[in-house]
Amino acid sequence: MQQINFFQDEFKKIEPPFSAVILVIVLGYSLVLSLVVTVILMTLSEWKSKNFIEYKNELSVLVGELEVTKKAYPAPLIDTNLVRKIETLEDRQSKNLRVLKYLATRKVEVDQQSFSVMLSGLSKVQQPNLWLTQVRLYRGGNEIELTGRTLSAAALPEYLKKLSTLNAFSEMEFEVFDMKRTESGLFFVVSSKRENNDAKTLLEKISQSR
């Protein structure tokens, strides 16, 4: 006779971890959540589609306005004459810059040489009864102003005639700017300006040098 032990594990009643009611509730929540997510996604998709259509319509309007604007304001044409003028002006500016650079480096030396020659010439010319009280040189010696006094009115023309014979004053024409009589004699102011006709040629040579 065989005995059966009902306390063995295989004969014990196994209880499910979750009851059917709980499973139904979980399934219901899952369905509701899925439905909500689906509705949200459909709403977003519809909103995106509507925005896309609106953006597309706005783009079409902008493209049309752009075409109208292009027709109303066509692209400017390049004027070859204007381009050549600009190139000419740029080349002239470059030459002028070279001239200015040259003059800046030579100005002090040229001024000193010119002043030295002219002052030396003034010291060589002597005229009785005439004295210079002031000498002013401008524009590197191209302009000169002589101030002095004389006891005789005829002494001044004689003095200016002697100055004109010197190379330093050969291109100058002296003019009496002011003359008045004082207790000590005649007070005079004489001015002169030299016009250098070779200046243009000189500057052109400088501008063409590299």
Protein backbone atom coordinates (compact mmCIF):
# COMPACT_ATOMS: atom_id res chain seq x y z
CA MET A 1 0.00 0.00 0.00
CA GLN A 2 1.45 3.39 -1.06
CA GLN A 3 1.04 6.52 1.03
CA ILE A 4 0.70 10.06 -0.44
CA ASN A 5 2.02 13.09 1.39
CA PHE A 6 -0.22 16.04 0.58
CA PHE A 7 2.19 18.45 2.22
CA GLN A 8 4.67 18.15 -0.62
CA ASP A 9 5.14 21.26 -2.79
CA GLU A 10 3.57 19.70 -5.84
CA PHE A 11 0.30 19.21 -4.01
CA LYS A 12 0.21 22.72 -2.47
CA LYS A 13 -2.28 25.27 -3.88
CA ILE A 14 -0.43 27.99 -5.83
CA GLU A 15 -1.90 31.49 -5.50
CA PRO A 16 -1.36 33.80 -8.52
CA PRO A 17 0.81 36.87 -7.71
CA PHE A 18 -1.90 39.20 -9.11
CA SER A 19 -5.55 38.61 -9.14
CA ALA A 20 -7.64 38.94 -12.29
CA VAL A 21 -9.22 42.16 -11.05
CA ILE A 22 -5.86 43.86 -10.66
CA LEU A 23 -4.82 42.73 -14.12
CA VAL A 24 -8.01 44.14 -15.60
CA ILE A 25 -7.47 47.46 -13.81
CA VAL A 26 -3.87 47.68 -15.04
CA LEU A 27 -4.98 46.84 -18.56
CA GLY A 28 -7.66 49.50 -18.38
CA TYR A 29 -5.20 52.15 -17.21
CA SER A 30 -2.82 51.15 -19.99
CA LEU A 31 -5.55 51.49 -22.59
CA VAL A 32 -6.60 54.89 -21.23
CA LEU A 33 -2.97 56.09 -21.15
CA SER A 34 -2.40 54.85 -24.69
CA LEU A 35 -5.54 56.63 -25.82
CA VAL A 36 -4.44 59.89 -24.18
CA VAL A 37 -0.98 59.66 -25.71
CA THR A 38 -2.50 58.93 -29.11
CA VAL A 39 -4.80 61.92 -28.84
CA ILE A 40 -1.92 64.16 -27.81
CA LEU A 41 0.27 62.95 -30.66
CA MET A 42 -2.56 63.43 -33.17
CA THR A 43 -3.17 66.94 -31.84
CA LEU A 44 0.51 67.82 -32.11
CA SER A 45 0.70 66.34 -35.58
CA GLU A 46 -2.33 68.33 -36.70
CA TRP A 47 -0.88 71.51 -35.17
CA LYS A 48 2.45 70.92 -36.87
CA SER A 49 0.73 70.30 -40.18
CA LYS A 50 -1.29 73.49 -39.82
CA ASN A 51 1.83 75.50 -38.97
CA PHE A 52 3.68 73.95 -41.88
CA ILE A 53 0.91 74.99 -44.25
CA GLU A 54 0.92 78.52 -42.81
CA TYR A 55 4.69 78.78 -43.13
CA LYS A 56 4.51 77.47 -46.67
CA ASN A 57 1.91 80.07 -47.58
CA GLU A 58 4.02 82.84 -45.98
CA LEU A 59 7.06 81.60 -47.90
CA SER A 60 5.11 81.72 -51.15
CA VAL A 61 4.05 85.30 -50.39
CA LEU A 62 7.64 86.32 -49.59
CA VAL A 63 8.95 84.67 -52.74
CA GLY A 64 6.36 86.58 -54.76
CA GLU A 65 7.32 89.87 -53.08
CA LEU A 66 10.98 89.10 -53.74
CA GLU A 67 10.31 88.58 -57.43
CA VAL A 68 8.38 91.86 -57.59
CA THR A 69 11.22 93.66 -55.79
CA LYS A 70 13.80 92.21 -58.18
CA LYS A 71 11.79 93.48 -61.14
CA ALA A 72 11.29 96.90 -59.56
CA TYR A 73 14.92 97.24 -58.42
CA PRO A 74 17.15 95.28 -60.80
CA ALA A 75 20.78 94.63 -59.89
CA PRO A 76 23.00 97.62 -60.74
CA LEU A 77 25.16 97.33 -63.81
CA ILE A 78 28.90 97.88 -63.49
CA ASP A 79 29.96 101.06 -65.25
CA THR A 80 33.32 100.39 -66.85
CA ASN A 81 34.00 104.12 -67.21
CA LEU A 82 33.41 104.63 -63.50
CA VAL A 83 35.71 101.72 -62.69
CA ARG A 84 38.46 103.28 -64.81
CA LYS A 85 37.96 106.64 -63.10
CA ILE A 86 38.25 104.99 -59.69
CA GLU A 87 41.45 103.23 -60.75
CA THR A 88 42.83 106.54 -62.05
CA LEU A 89 42.01 108.28 -58.77
CA GLU A 90 43.59 105.49 -56.77
CA ASP A 91 46.74 105.70 -58.89
CA ARG A 92 46.82 109.49 -58.44
CA GLN A 93 46.36 109.10 -54.71
CA SER A 94 49.25 106.65 -54.60
CA LYS A 95 51.46 109.14 -56.47
CA ASN A 96 50.43 111.95 -54.15
CA LEU A 97 51.28 109.85 -51.12
CA ARG A 98 54.76 109.19 -52.55
CA VAL A 99 55.18 112.92 -53.16
CA LEU A 100 54.14 113.77 -49.61
CA LYS A 101 56.48 111.14 -48.23
CA TYR A 102 59.36 112.52 -50.27
CA LEU A 103 58.62 116.10 -49.28
CA ALA A 104 58.35 115.14 -45.63
CA THR A 105 61.81 113.59 -45.71
CA ARG A 106 63.34 116.45 -47.71
CA LYS A 107 61.54 119.46 -46.26
CA VAL A 108 63.93 120.24 -43.43
CA GLU A 109 67.02 119.81 -45.59
CA VAL A 110 65.62 121.90 -48.47
CA ASP A 111 64.44 124.66 -46.14
CA GLN A 112 67.79 124.85 -44.43
CA GLN A 113 69.66 125.02 -47.74
CA SER A 114 67.32 127.67 -49.14
CA PHE A 115 67.45 129.80 -45.99
CA SER A 116 71.22 129.53 -45.87
CA VAL A 117 71.65 130.67 -49.49
CA MET A 118 69.24 133.58 -49.13
CA LEU A 119 70.69 134.81 -45.83
CA SER A 120 74.15 134.59 -47.32
CA GLY A 121 72.98 136.71 -50.28
CA LEU A 122 71.42 139.30 -47.99
CA SER A 123 74.67 139.59 -46.05
CA LYS A 124 76.64 140.25 -49.27
CA VAL A 125 74.55 143.18 -50.48
CA GLN A 126 75.40 146.48 -48.83
CA GLN A 127 73.52 149.72 -49.40
CA PRO A 128 74.49 153.02 -47.78
CA ASN A 129 71.83 154.66 -45.59
CA LEU A 130 69.70 151.45 -45.54
CA TRP A 131 69.37 148.89 -42.75
CA LEU A 132 67.29 145.71 -42.47
CA THR A 133 65.62 145.24 -39.12
CA GLN A 134 63.77 141.98 -39.83
CA VAL A 135 63.85 139.18 -42.41
CA ARG A 136 61.05 136.64 -42.73
CA LEU A 137 61.17 133.59 -45.00
CA TYR A 138 58.13 131.48 -45.90
CA ARG A 139 57.40 128.38 -47.97
CA GLY A 140 60.97 127.13 -47.83
CA GLY A 141 62.33 130.45 -49.04
CA ASN A 142 59.87 130.93 -51.89
CA GLU A 143 58.42 133.95 -50.10
CA ILE A 144 60.43 136.64 -48.35
CA GLU A 145 59.52 139.74 -46.39
CA LEU A 146 62.11 142.42 -45.63
CA THR A 147 61.54 145.08 -42.99
CA GLY A 148 63.92 147.99 -42.45
CA ARG A 149 64.52 151.70 -42.59
CA THR A 150 66.43 154.06 -44.87
CA LEU A 151 67.45 157.69 -44.84
CA SER A 152 66.88 158.11 -48.55
CA ALA A 153 63.90 157.08 -50.66
CA ALA A 154 66.21 156.33 -53.60
CA ALA A 155 68.26 153.85 -51.53
CA LEU A 156 65.53 151.21 -51.46
CA PRO A 157 65.20 150.72 -55.26
CA GLU A 158 68.98 150.55 -55.54
CA TYR A 159 69.12 147.91 -52.83
CA LEU A 160 66.39 145.78 -54.44
CA LYS A 161 68.15 146.06 -57.80
CA LYS A 162 71.33 144.69 -56.26
CA LEU A 163 69.41 141.81 -54.68
CA SER A 164 67.87 140.87 -58.04
CA THR A 165 71.34 140.30 -59.52
CA LEU A 166 71.98 137.41 -57.09
CA ASN A 167 70.99 133.88 -58.13
CA ALA A 168 69.11 133.36 -54.87
CA PHE A 169 66.72 136.23 -55.76
CA SER A 170 66.83 136.11 -59.57
CA GLU A 171 63.28 134.70 -59.89
CA MET A 172 61.76 137.12 -57.41
CA GLU A 173 60.01 140.38 -58.07
CA PHE A 174 60.13 142.66 -55.06
CA GLU A 175 57.17 144.88 -54.24
CA VAL A 176 57.00 147.59 -51.63
CA PHE A 177 54.24 146.52 -49.28
CA ASP A 178 54.43 149.50 -46.95
CA MET A 179 56.50 152.67 -46.62
CA LYS A 180 56.05 155.52 -44.19
CA ARG A 181 58.19 158.32 -42.87
CA THR A 182 59.26 158.37 -39.24
CA GLU A 183 61.49 160.63 -37.16
CA SER A 184 64.48 158.38 -37.87
CA GLY A 185 63.86 158.06 -41.61
CA LEU A 186 61.68 155.98 -43.91
CA PHE A 187 60.22 152.72 -42.58
CA PHE A 188 59.57 150.12 -45.29
CA VAL A 189 58.25 146.58 -45.74
CA VAL A 190 59.14 144.75 -48.95
CA SER A 191 57.73 141.37 -49.95
CA SER A 192 58.39 138.98 -52.81
CA LYS A 193 57.17 135.58 -53.97
CA ARG A 194 58.96 133.09 -56.20
CA GLU A 195 56.89 131.05 -58.65
CA ASN A 196 58.70 127.82 -59.34
CA ASN A 197 57.75 126.80 -62.87
CA ASP A 198 59.60 123.52 -62.56
CA ALA A 199 57.63 122.38 -59.51
CA LYS A 200 55.08 120.46 -61.55
CA THR A 201 57.79 118.61 -63.47
CA LEU A 202 59.68 117.85 -60.27
CA LEU A 203 56.59 116.51 -58.50
CA GLU A 204 55.74 114.37 -61.53
CA LYS A 205 59.20 112.81 -61.45
CA ILE A 206 58.91 112.15 -57.74
CA SER A 207 55.45 110.58 -58.10
CA GLN A 208 56.67 108.20 -60.82
CA SER A 209 59.63 106.99 -58.78
CA ARG A 210 59.16 103.73 -56.90
